[in-house]
């Protein structure tokens, strides 16, 4: 397979298959619903919910900082010890 890749055989096969598929689509011999068959006469407007990514990331960082301020090292150690002792009970 390494030799075939070096010779570009897989790439050529993919390109040939893509060209053949596109030709069939263009000729109408391969149906793609909504593209070359069964298309809408009038497309309805779609409401898109937009997210302000910067505000979202900022809110998540704020939540992480708040959580990190509430969790102390001693509390983490206690939780770790509790989980270890629970595993020993299994």
Protein backbone atom coordinates (compact mmCIF):
# COMPACT_ATOMS: atom_id res chain seq x y z
CA UNK A 1 0.00 0.00 0.00
CA UNK A 2 2.88 2.37 0.76
CA UNK A 3 4.14 1.96 -2.81
CA UNK A 4 0.65 2.60 -4.17
CA UNK A 5 0.44 5.80 -2.13
CA UNK A 6 3.83 6.89 -3.43
CA UNK A 7 2.58 6.34 -6.99
CA UNK A 8 -0.61 8.29 -6.23
CA UNK A 9 -2.92 5.40 -7.07
CA UNK A 10 -5.45 5.88 -4.23
CA UNK A 11 -5.66 9.61 -4.95
CA UNK A 12 -6.24 8.98 -8.64
CA UNK A 13 -8.94 6.38 -7.88
CA UNK A 14 -10.73 8.84 -5.57
CA UNK A 15 -10.54 11.59 -8.19
CA UNK A 16 -11.91 9.25 -10.89
CA UNK A 17 -14.76 8.12 -8.65
CA UNK A 18 -15.60 11.73 -7.75
CA UNK A 19 -15.59 12.78 -11.42
CA UNK A 20 -17.84 9.86 -12.37
CA UNK A 21 -20.25 10.58 -9.53
CA UNK A 22 -20.41 14.27 -10.43
CA UNK A 23 -21.08 13.37 -14.07
CA UNK A 24 -23.98 11.11 -13.07
CA UNK A 25 -25.43 13.86 -10.86
CA UNK A 26 -25.10 16.43 -13.64
CA UNK A 27 -26.81 14.10 -16.13
CA UNK A 28 -29.65 13.42 -13.68
CA UNK A 29 -28.82 9.72 -13.57
CA UNK A 30 -27.98 9.95 -9.87
CA UNK A 31 -30.63 11.65 -7.78
CA UNK A 32 -29.76 13.98 -4.95
CA UNK A 33 -33.02 15.06 -3.36
CA UNK A 34 -33.21 18.82 -3.13
CA UNK A 35 -30.28 19.32 -5.51
CA UNK A 36 -31.17 17.82 -8.87
CA UNK A 37 -34.64 16.42 -8.12
CA UNK A 38 -37.54 17.30 -5.83
CA UNK A 39 -36.33 20.85 -5.31
CA UNK A 40 -38.57 23.44 -3.68
CA UNK A 41 -40.18 26.07 -5.86
CA UNK A 42 -39.84 28.63 -3.10
CA UNK A 43 -37.47 28.19 -0.21
CA UNK A 44 -38.75 29.26 3.18
CA UNK A 45 -36.68 31.50 5.40
CA UNK A 46 -35.10 29.70 8.32
CA UNK A 47 -34.59 31.36 11.67
CA UNK A 48 -31.04 30.76 12.74
CA UNK A 49 -30.08 30.93 16.38
CA UNK A 50 -26.79 32.77 16.62
CA UNK A 51 -24.43 32.40 19.53
CA UNK A 52 -21.95 35.05 20.55
CA UNK A 53 -18.95 32.77 20.92
CA UNK A 54 -16.85 35.29 22.85
CA UNK A 55 -19.62 35.85 25.39
CA UNK A 56 -20.17 32.09 25.70
CA UNK A 57 -16.49 31.37 26.31
CA UNK A 58 -16.28 34.25 28.78
CA UNK A 59 -19.27 32.92 30.75
CA UNK A 60 -17.75 29.42 30.86
CA UNK A 61 -14.39 30.78 32.02
CA UNK A 62 -16.12 32.83 34.69
CA UNK A 63 -17.95 29.70 35.87
CA UNK A 64 -14.67 27.76 35.99
CA UNK A 65 -12.95 30.50 37.97
CA UNK A 66 -15.85 30.67 40.40
CA UNK A 67 -15.77 26.91 40.84
CA UNK A 68 -12.00 26.86 41.30
CA UNK A 69 -12.31 29.49 44.04
CA UNK A 70 -14.85 27.33 45.88
CA UNK A 71 -12.83 24.11 45.67
CA UNK A 72 -9.87 23.99 48.00
CA UNK A 73 -6.96 21.58 47.97
CA UNK A 74 -7.99 20.15 51.33
CA UNK A 75 -11.50 19.51 50.03
CA UNK A 76 -10.10 17.76 46.96
CA UNK A 77 -7.89 15.58 49.20
CA UNK A 78 -10.90 14.62 51.32
CA UNK A 79 -12.92 13.72 48.22
CA UNK A 80 -10.00 11.70 46.85
CA UNK A 81 -9.57 9.81 50.12
CA UNK A 82 -13.31 9.13 50.24
CA UNK A 83 -13.31 7.75 46.68
CA UNK A 84 -10.27 5.55 47.45
CA UNK A 85 -11.91 4.15 50.59
CA UNK A 86 -15.12 3.46 48.62
CA UNK A 87 -13.12 1.55 45.98
CA UNK A 88 -11.52 -0.60 48.67
CA UNK A 89 -14.99 -1.60 49.81
CA UNK A 90 -15.74 -3.17 46.45
